[in-house]
Amino acid sequence: MTELEDRLERFETLTAECELITKLATDSTKREFYLKLSEQYRQLAQDMRQAIATRAAA
């Protein structure tokens, strides 16, 4: 597994963890924080997928 694939896996894991915390949080402030954090990790994972595809095409 390449470094980019390792990072992709990490971002996907962090996204899932933040989504779980969002669902379990009873405090609306924490829920909103982890929701935004999961969205940021999801975007990073998407960017990483794109970088992997670009590298594979080169």
Protein backbone atom coordinates (compact mmCIF):
# COMPACT_ATOMS: atom_id res chain seq x y z
CA MET A 1 0.00 0.00 0.00
CA THR A 2 1.36 3.40 -0.93
CA GLU A 3 1.58 6.40 1.34
CA LEU A 4 -1.37 7.99 -0.46
CA GLU A 5 -3.47 4.87 0.05
CA ASP A 6 -2.51 4.86 3.73
CA ARG A 7 -3.67 8.45 4.05
CA LEU A 8 -6.88 7.69 2.18
CA GLU A 9 -7.65 4.84 4.56
CA ARG A 10 -6.92 7.08 7.56
CA PHE A 11 -9.21 9.86 6.27
CA GLU A 12 -11.98 7.34 5.62
CA THR A 13 -11.60 5.97 9.15
CA LEU A 14 -11.67 9.43 10.67
CA THR A 15 -14.76 10.29 8.63
CA ALA A 16 -16.58 7.21 9.92
CA GLU A 17 -15.53 7.91 13.52
CA CYS A 18 -16.71 11.52 13.35
CA GLU A 19 -20.02 10.44 11.81
CA LEU A 20 -20.53 7.97 14.65
CA ILE A 21 -19.76 10.61 17.26
CA THR A 22 -22.19 12.96 15.49
CA LYS A 23 -24.95 10.37 15.81
CA LEU A 24 -24.19 9.66 19.46
CA ALA A 25 -23.59 13.22 20.67
CA THR A 26 -26.28 14.68 22.88
CA ASP A 27 -24.77 18.16 22.94
CA SER A 28 -25.78 20.09 19.81
CA THR A 29 -22.50 22.05 19.76
CA LYS A 30 -20.43 18.85 19.73
CA ARG A 31 -22.76 17.28 17.19
CA GLU A 32 -22.30 20.24 14.84
CA PHE A 33 -18.52 20.25 15.39
CA TYR A 34 -18.12 16.56 14.53
CA LEU A 35 -20.48 16.88 11.58
CA LYS A 36 -18.30 19.62 10.09
CA LEU A 37 -15.16 17.67 10.93
CA SER A 38 -16.52 14.57 9.17
CA GLU A 39 -17.30 16.68 6.09
CA GLN A 40 -13.73 17.98 6.04
CA TYR A 41 -12.30 14.46 6.34
CA ARG A 42 -14.67 13.27 3.60
CA GLN A 43 -13.34 16.03 1.32
CA LEU A 44 -9.75 15.11 2.16
CA ALA A 45 -10.52 11.47 1.31
CA GLN A 46 -12.02 12.56 -2.01
CA ASP A 47 -8.94 14.66 -2.77
CA MET A 48 -6.73 11.70 -1.90
CA ARG A 49 -8.72 9.41 -4.25
CA GLN A 50 -8.24 11.97 -7.00
CA ALA A 51 -4.49 12.18 -6.32
CA ILE A 52 -4.22 8.38 -6.43
CA ALA A 53 -6.13 8.25 -9.72
CA THR A 54 -3.96 11.01 -11.19
CA ARG A 55 -0.79 9.23 -10.15
CA ALA A 56 -2.06 5.94 -11.58
CA ALA A 57 -2.89 7.60 -14.91
CA ALA A 58 0.60 9.12 -15.18
